[in-house]
Each structure stands twice: as structure tokens, then as C-alpha cells.
Protein backbone atom coordinates (compact mmCIF):
# COMPACT_ATOMS: atom_id res chain seq x y z
CA UNK A 1 4.38 -26.35 -9.88
CA UNK A 2 4.10 -25.37 -6.32
CA UNK A 3 1.17 -25.29 -4.51
CA UNK A 4 0.08 -22.50 -1.84
CA UNK A 5 0.24 -23.61 1.42
CA UNK A 6 -3.08 -22.38 2.55
CA UNK A 7 -1.54 -21.07 6.17
CA UNK A 8 -4.19 -20.60 8.71
CA UNK A 9 -5.09 -17.09 8.88
CA UNK A 10 -4.81 -16.74 12.55
CA UNK A 11 -1.33 -16.57 13.68
CA UNK A 12 -1.74 -17.04 17.86
CA UNK A 13 -4.74 -17.97 19.56
CA UNK A 14 -5.06 -16.50 23.12
CA UNK A 15 -7.92 -17.69 24.38
CA UNK A 16 -10.63 -15.92 22.92
CA UNK A 17 -8.38 -13.73 21.44
CA UNK A 18 -7.59 -14.64 17.43
CA UNK A 19 -4.06 -12.78 16.61
CA UNK A 20 -3.85 -12.92 12.75
CA UNK A 21 -1.13 -12.82 10.10
CA UNK A 22 -3.01 -10.02 8.08
CA UNK A 23 -3.02 -7.90 11.27
CA UNK A 24 0.94 -8.78 12.40
CA UNK A 25 1.91 -7.68 9.21
CA UNK A 26 0.65 -4.34 9.30
CA UNK A 27 2.35 -4.44 12.94
CA UNK A 28 5.22 -4.80 10.75
CA UNK A 29 5.03 -2.26 8.88
CA UNK A 30 3.58 0.23 11.22
CA UNK A 31 7.51 -0.59 13.58
CA UNK A 32 9.35 -0.06 10.28
CA UNK A 33 7.70 3.46 9.37
CA UNK A 34 8.57 4.04 13.52
CA UNK A 35 12.48 2.94 13.31
CA UNK A 36 12.71 4.69 9.79
CA UNK A 37 10.96 7.64 10.91
CA UNK A 38 13.34 8.63 13.40
CA UNK A 39 16.21 7.50 12.12
CA UNK A 40 14.96 10.07 8.91
CA UNK A 41 14.27 12.35 11.31
CA UNK A 42 17.37 12.82 12.97
CA UNK A 43 19.87 12.43 10.04
CA UNK A 44 17.19 14.87 7.69
CA UNK A 45 16.83 17.81 9.52
CA UNK A 46 15.96 20.02 6.15
CA UNK A 47 12.39 18.13 6.67
CA UNK A 48 11.65 20.04 9.78
CA UNK A 49 10.63 17.04 11.97
CA UNK A 50 11.38 15.34 15.28
CA UNK A 51 11.79 12.15 16.72
CA UNK A 52 8.44 12.91 18.39
CA UNK A 53 6.27 13.91 15.18
CA UNK A 54 6.93 10.28 14.18
CA UNK A 55 4.53 8.94 16.81
CA UNK A 56 2.32 11.77 15.94
CA UNK A 57 2.54 10.82 12.06
CA UNK A 58 2.18 7.72 12.82
CA UNK A 59 -0.97 7.80 14.88
CA UNK A 60 -2.25 9.71 12.07
CA UNK A 61 -1.65 7.77 9.69
CA UNK A 62 -2.81 3.92 10.82
CA UNK A 63 -6.33 6.01 10.91
CA UNK A 64 -5.88 7.03 7.60
CA UNK A 65 -4.76 3.74 6.47
CA UNK A 66 -7.89 1.48 8.21
CA UNK A 67 -10.68 4.44 7.65
CA UNK A 68 -9.56 4.92 4.06
CA UNK A 69 -8.29 1.52 2.83
CA UNK A 70 -11.87 0.00 4.16
CA UNK A 71 -14.12 2.82 2.74
CA UNK A 72 -11.59 2.78 -0.73
CA UNK A 73 -12.33 -1.38 -1.39
CA UNK A 74 -15.96 -0.91 -0.32
CA UNK A 75 -17.11 1.68 -2.73
CA UNK A 76 -14.00 1.19 -5.43
CA UNK A 77 -13.55 -2.54 -5.64
CA UNK A 78 -17.08 -4.25 -3.51
CA UNK A 79 -20.10 -1.72 -3.47
CA UNK A 80 -22.52 -4.52 -4.49
CA UNK A 81 -21.40 -6.73 -1.86
CA UNK A 82 -21.46 -4.32 0.76
CA UNK A 83 -24.48 -3.22 0.45
CA UNK A 84 -25.81 -6.38 0.96
CA UNK A 85 -23.67 -7.03 4.08
CA UNK A 86 -23.04 -3.86 5.47
CA UNK A 87 -21.63 -5.13 8.66
CA UNK A 88 -18.80 -6.37 7.48
CA UNK A 89 -17.45 -3.41 6.33
CA UNK A 90 -16.37 -3.01 10.39
CA UNK A 91 -14.40 -6.53 9.64
CA UNK A 92 -11.28 -5.23 8.78
CA UNK A 93 -9.95 -8.21 10.67
CA UNK A 94 -10.81 -10.91 7.61
CA UNK A 95 -8.66 -8.46 5.23
CA UNK A 96 -10.19 -6.63 2.17
CA UNK A 97 -8.09 -3.04 2.12
CA UNK A 98 -7.73 -0.61 -0.80
CA UNK A 99 -4.58 0.68 -1.16
CA UNK A 100 -5.57 3.70 -2.93
CA UNK A 101 -8.73 4.41 -0.95
CA UNK A 102 -6.06 4.08 2.06
CA UNK A 103 -3.65 6.75 0.36
CA UNK A 104 -6.56 9.08 -0.10
CA UNK A 105 -6.93 8.05 3.77
CA UNK A 106 -3.50 9.16 4.81
CA UNK A 107 -3.18 12.12 2.36
CA UNK A 108 -6.00 14.00 4.60
CA UNK A 109 -4.69 12.67 8.03
CA UNK A 110 -1.33 14.23 7.02
CA UNK A 111 -2.94 17.31 5.41
CA UNK A 112 -5.20 17.78 8.82
CA UNK A 113 -1.96 17.02 11.18
CA UNK A 114 0.00 19.57 8.71
CA UNK A 115 -2.17 22.32 9.26
CA UNK A 116 -2.38 21.97 13.23
CA UNK A 117 1.15 21.83 13.46
CA UNK A 118 1.83 24.60 10.91
CA UNK A 119 3.79 22.78 8.37
CA UNK A 120 3.91 22.44 4.92
CA UNK A 121 1.77 19.40 3.09
CA UNK A 122 4.50 18.59 0.71
CA UNK A 123 6.90 18.71 3.43
CA UNK A 124 4.86 15.86 5.37
CA UNK A 125 4.15 13.77 2.12
CA UNK A 126 8.09 14.14 1.23
CA UNK A 127 9.20 12.77 4.54
CA UNK A 128 6.75 9.81 5.32
CA UNK A 129 6.92 8.66 1.25
CA UNK A 130 10.59 6.78 1.42
CA UNK A 131 8.68 5.12 5.09
CA UNK A 132 5.53 3.96 3.15
CA UNK A 133 6.90 0.83 0.77
CA UNK A 134 8.30 -1.79 3.54
CA UNK A 135 4.71 -1.88 5.36
CA UNK A 136 2.82 -1.83 1.50
CA UNK A 137 5.01 -5.23 0.85
CA UNK A 138 4.00 -6.24 4.63
CA UNK A 139 0.78 -5.96 3.31
CA UNK A 140 0.62 -8.12 0.17
CA UNK A 141 2.91 -10.60 2.31
CA UNK A 142 0.07 -11.09 4.22
CA UNK A 143 -2.12 -10.95 0.94
CA UNK A 144 -0.54 -13.94 0.54
CA UNK A 145 -0.95 -16.06 3.67
CA UNK A 146 -4.42 -14.94 3.21
CA UNK A 147 -4.34 -17.00 -0.13
CA UNK A 148 -6.42 -13.78 -1.55
CA UNK A 149 -5.64 -11.53 -4.75
CA UNK A 150 -4.33 -14.46 -6.43
CA UNK A 151 -2.66 -13.77 -9.65
CA UNK A 152 -3.79 -14.64 -13.20
CA UNK A 153 -3.59 -17.97 -15.00
CA UNK A 154 -0.24 -18.81 -15.98
CA UNK A 155 1.73 -21.27 -18.12
CA UNK A 156 2.39 -24.29 -16.32
CA UNK A 157 5.89 -24.51 -17.22
CA UNK A 158 6.69 -21.25 -14.99
CA UNK A 159 8.73 -22.40 -12.46
CA UNK A 160 6.96 -20.51 -9.99
CA UNK A 161 3.63 -20.71 -10.97
CA UNK A 162 1.21 -21.64 -7.75
CA UNK A 163 -2.12 -23.44 -7.55
CA UNK A 164 -4.42 -22.00 -4.94
CA UNK A 165 -6.55 -24.72 -3.80
CA UNK A 166 -9.53 -21.94 -2.66
CA UNK A 167 -9.17 -20.81 -5.99
CA UNK A 168 -9.28 -23.92 -8.96
CA UNK A 169 -6.56 -26.19 -9.64
CA UNK A 170 -5.22 -23.81 -12.33
CA UNK A 171 -1.47 -22.59 -11.99
CA UNK A 172 -1.17 -19.23 -11.32
CA UNK A 173 1.15 -16.14 -10.79
CA UNK A 174 1.62 -15.51 -6.87
CA UNK A 175 0.89 -12.31 -7.70
CA UNK A 176 1.15 -10.81 -4.26
CA UNK A 177 4.69 -11.97 -4.17
CA UNK A 178 5.44 -9.69 -6.95
CA UNK A 179 3.51 -6.79 -5.16
CA UNK A 180 5.78 -7.11 -2.31
CA UNK A 181 8.83 -7.38 -4.11
CA UNK A 182 8.00 -4.32 -6.88
CA UNK A 183 5.84 -1.89 -4.81
CA UNK A 184 7.63 -2.58 -1.34
CA UNK A 185 11.10 -3.90 -2.00
CA UNK A 186 11.89 -2.13 -4.96
CA UNK A 187 9.70 1.44 -4.25
CA UNK A 188 11.48 1.81 -1.40
CA UNK A 189 14.83 1.24 -2.49
CA UNK A 190 14.38 3.82 -4.98
CA UNK A 191 12.56 6.51 -2.45
CA UNK A 192 15.11 5.96 0.18
CA UNK A 193 17.98 6.89 -2.98
CA UNK A 194 16.11 9.40 -4.08
CA UNK A 195 15.45 11.19 -0.69
CA UNK A 196 18.74 11.09 0.74
CA UNK A 197 19.57 14.06 -0.17
CA UNK A 198 17.81 17.66 -0.57
CA UNK A 199 15.11 17.81 -2.79
CA UNK A 200 12.55 20.53 -3.82
CA UNK A 201 9.17 20.25 -2.12
CA UNK A 202 6.75 18.07 -3.31
CA UNK A 203 9.72 15.67 -5.91
CA UNK A 204 10.10 13.08 -3.49
CA UNK A 205 5.87 12.46 -2.76
CA UNK A 206 6.06 13.24 -7.00
CA UNK A 207 8.84 10.37 -7.51
CA UNK A 208 6.64 7.93 -4.83
CA UNK A 209 3.61 8.86 -6.87
CA UNK A 210 5.41 7.61 -10.34
CA UNK A 211 7.39 4.39 -8.88
CA UNK A 212 4.18 3.47 -7.04
CA UNK A 213 1.69 3.73 -9.97
CA UNK A 214 4.20 2.05 -12.79
CA UNK A 215 4.62 -0.89 -10.67
CA UNK A 216 1.27 -1.21 -9.71
CA UNK A 217 -0.41 -1.11 -13.54
CA UNK A 218 2.46 -3.65 -14.33
CA UNK A 219 1.64 -5.84 -11.24
CA UNK A 220 -2.34 -5.93 -12.74
CA UNK A 221 -0.91 -7.72 -16.08
CA UNK A 222 -0.09 -10.93 -13.41
CA UNK A 223 -3.06 -9.96 -11.19
CA UNK A 224 -6.72 -11.66 -11.23
CA UNK A 225 -8.41 -8.39 -12.10
CA UNK A 226 -11.03 -7.14 -9.30
CA UNK A 227 -14.82 -6.47 -10.45
CA UNK A 228 -14.42 -2.81 -9.22
CA UNK A 229 -17.31 -0.12 -9.65
CA UNK A 230 -17.11 -0.84 -13.95
CA UNK A 231 -17.31 -4.40 -13.78
CA UNK A 232 -14.14 -6.88 -14.48
CA UNK A 233 -11.60 -5.43 -17.17
CA UNK A 234 -9.36 -7.63 -18.80
CA UNK A 235 -7.89 -4.92 -20.83
CA UNK A 236 -7.03 -2.41 -18.24
CA UNK A 237 -8.52 -3.43 -14.65
CA UNK A 238 -9.85 -0.89 -11.52
CA UNK A 239 -6.11 -0.94 -10.14
CA UNK A 240 -4.73 0.33 -13.07
CA UNK A 241 -7.15 3.14 -13.59
CA UNK A 242 -6.45 4.50 -10.18
CA UNK A 243 -2.83 4.11 -10.65
CA UNK A 244 -3.03 6.64 -13.69
CA UNK A 245 -3.69 9.65 -12.06
CA UNK A 246 -1.23 9.11 -9.42
CA UNK A 247 1.60 8.50 -11.93
CA UNK A 248 0.74 12.20 -13.73
CA UNK A 249 0.61 13.74 -10.53
CA UNK A 250 3.44 12.18 -9.60
CA UNK A 251 5.43 13.82 -13.25
CA UNK A 252 3.74 16.99 -12.63
CA UNK A 253 5.70 17.33 -8.75
CA UNK A 254 8.86 16.37 -10.44
CA UNK A 255 8.80 18.54 -13.29
CA UNK A 256 7.12 21.70 -11.77
CA UNK A 257 8.95 24.27 -12.07
CA UNK A 258 7.93 26.59 -9.09
CA UNK A 259 9.17 23.98 -6.04
CA UNK A 260 11.87 25.38 -3.71
CA UNK A 261 13.19 23.51 -1.08
CA UNK A 262 11.57 21.39 0.86
């Protein structure tokens, strides 16, 4: 069996300033967003986005990810803990970010940006959807480095079963790596291919919702369930409950008959 390396969460110490791996993973995701976004703006003009727009989208997106992700963690997953430790809500450098909360935060930020620029909401989300998965992949790698979001107990014969010493001595699935590969790399390849030619408004956004929702639903079978606001459920986890409406909304966007050109 493999053993989690128990990385030092601090990647670099500069005097009193500690640069954490988790923060560096977010930075990597933001850099990928800028690079890929500017490439899309130059090669896919039907979205009506300029290279300069990408910088603004990132700024709004970062605000949405940080505020939405943290509030999602507080509300959906650990409300009891944060009610007892309210100041910990501000300690985002320690980890604890909900994708579904961050997703809602980004949607709100994109709606605000689109309203200010006079751009269609779905034109904006269709543009950014393929830029998101590599950031998700970086975030899951950050989770793995932190030794958090460990997987369910696995068969000891599984070649990549891993012991997380901070948890127990049982073999477990390294579920953050599963999610990095699925919701990150695989979803990126799917969306980059799907968005490489012009689609109807909302179709790329819908494909993102379907792809993420399905892949996250499957990944939850290998991830130790969070307590969430419904308590621990080994039948349908909190992450699966939150993914179901994403899939339904995505199907509606992809299959609806009245969508026009983006």
C-alpha cells in the first residue's frame, strides 16, 4: 500500500510570510484561466470577448470563487463548526472551499460583469466554462497535498490504495487525485473539444453542468462523505445532492429548442 507523503502545507517561507501549496494551486488555476481565455478570445470571436475582457473576468471570478466557495463550505458542509468558531470563516488559507458554493459565487459574479458590459449571461458562461476545469484540477491537487478530502476505505489489494496517517491506518482511495483526473483533466478535454466550434447559446454551459455533475456524482462513491447539513449519508452524499440539479439544468440547456447562436 502507498502512504500519503504528509506534505508540509507551507511551500515557501519568506520571513513572516508563509506561501502555502493550496494558494499556489489556486494561482496555477488562475494563470491557466488567463492563458486559455486569451487564446479563446483571439481564436473564437463568436463569443464577443476581447483579450482585455479576460483580465476583468478573472478578477470577478476570483471574488466569486473565494466568497462563494467559503460561504458554501460554511453553509453546506460545516455549519455547526463555523457557528462555534465564526472567526475561522475568514481563514481561507487553511483550506475548506466548497465547489458548489464557489460555482454559485462565480455565476453571480459573471451575471454582474455581463450586466455591466451589456453581454448575455450565457454568452459569458459559455466562454468561461472550458477555462474552469484546469483550475478545478489544481484545486484537487491542493487538497491531496493538504491530506484532506480523503477517500473511503479501499481493498488493501488495490495497487494505489493509500494510507492517510493523519486519519487512520486503513487503506483508502486517493479520491482528490480521482477528482483531479475526472472533474479536472477529463472535463477540460471534453469542453475544449465541444466548444471548438460555434454552438447554440447555453450549450457549452450545459455541457459543463452535465459533465461536472456526472463526474462529481461518480467521484463521491470513492470519497469519504462529508457531514453536510443533512448529516453523514453513505447512500447519497451532500456532494451528490448538490450535483443532481446541475445535471438537470445542463440537460435543459443542451436540449432546449429555442437557443440561438452565441
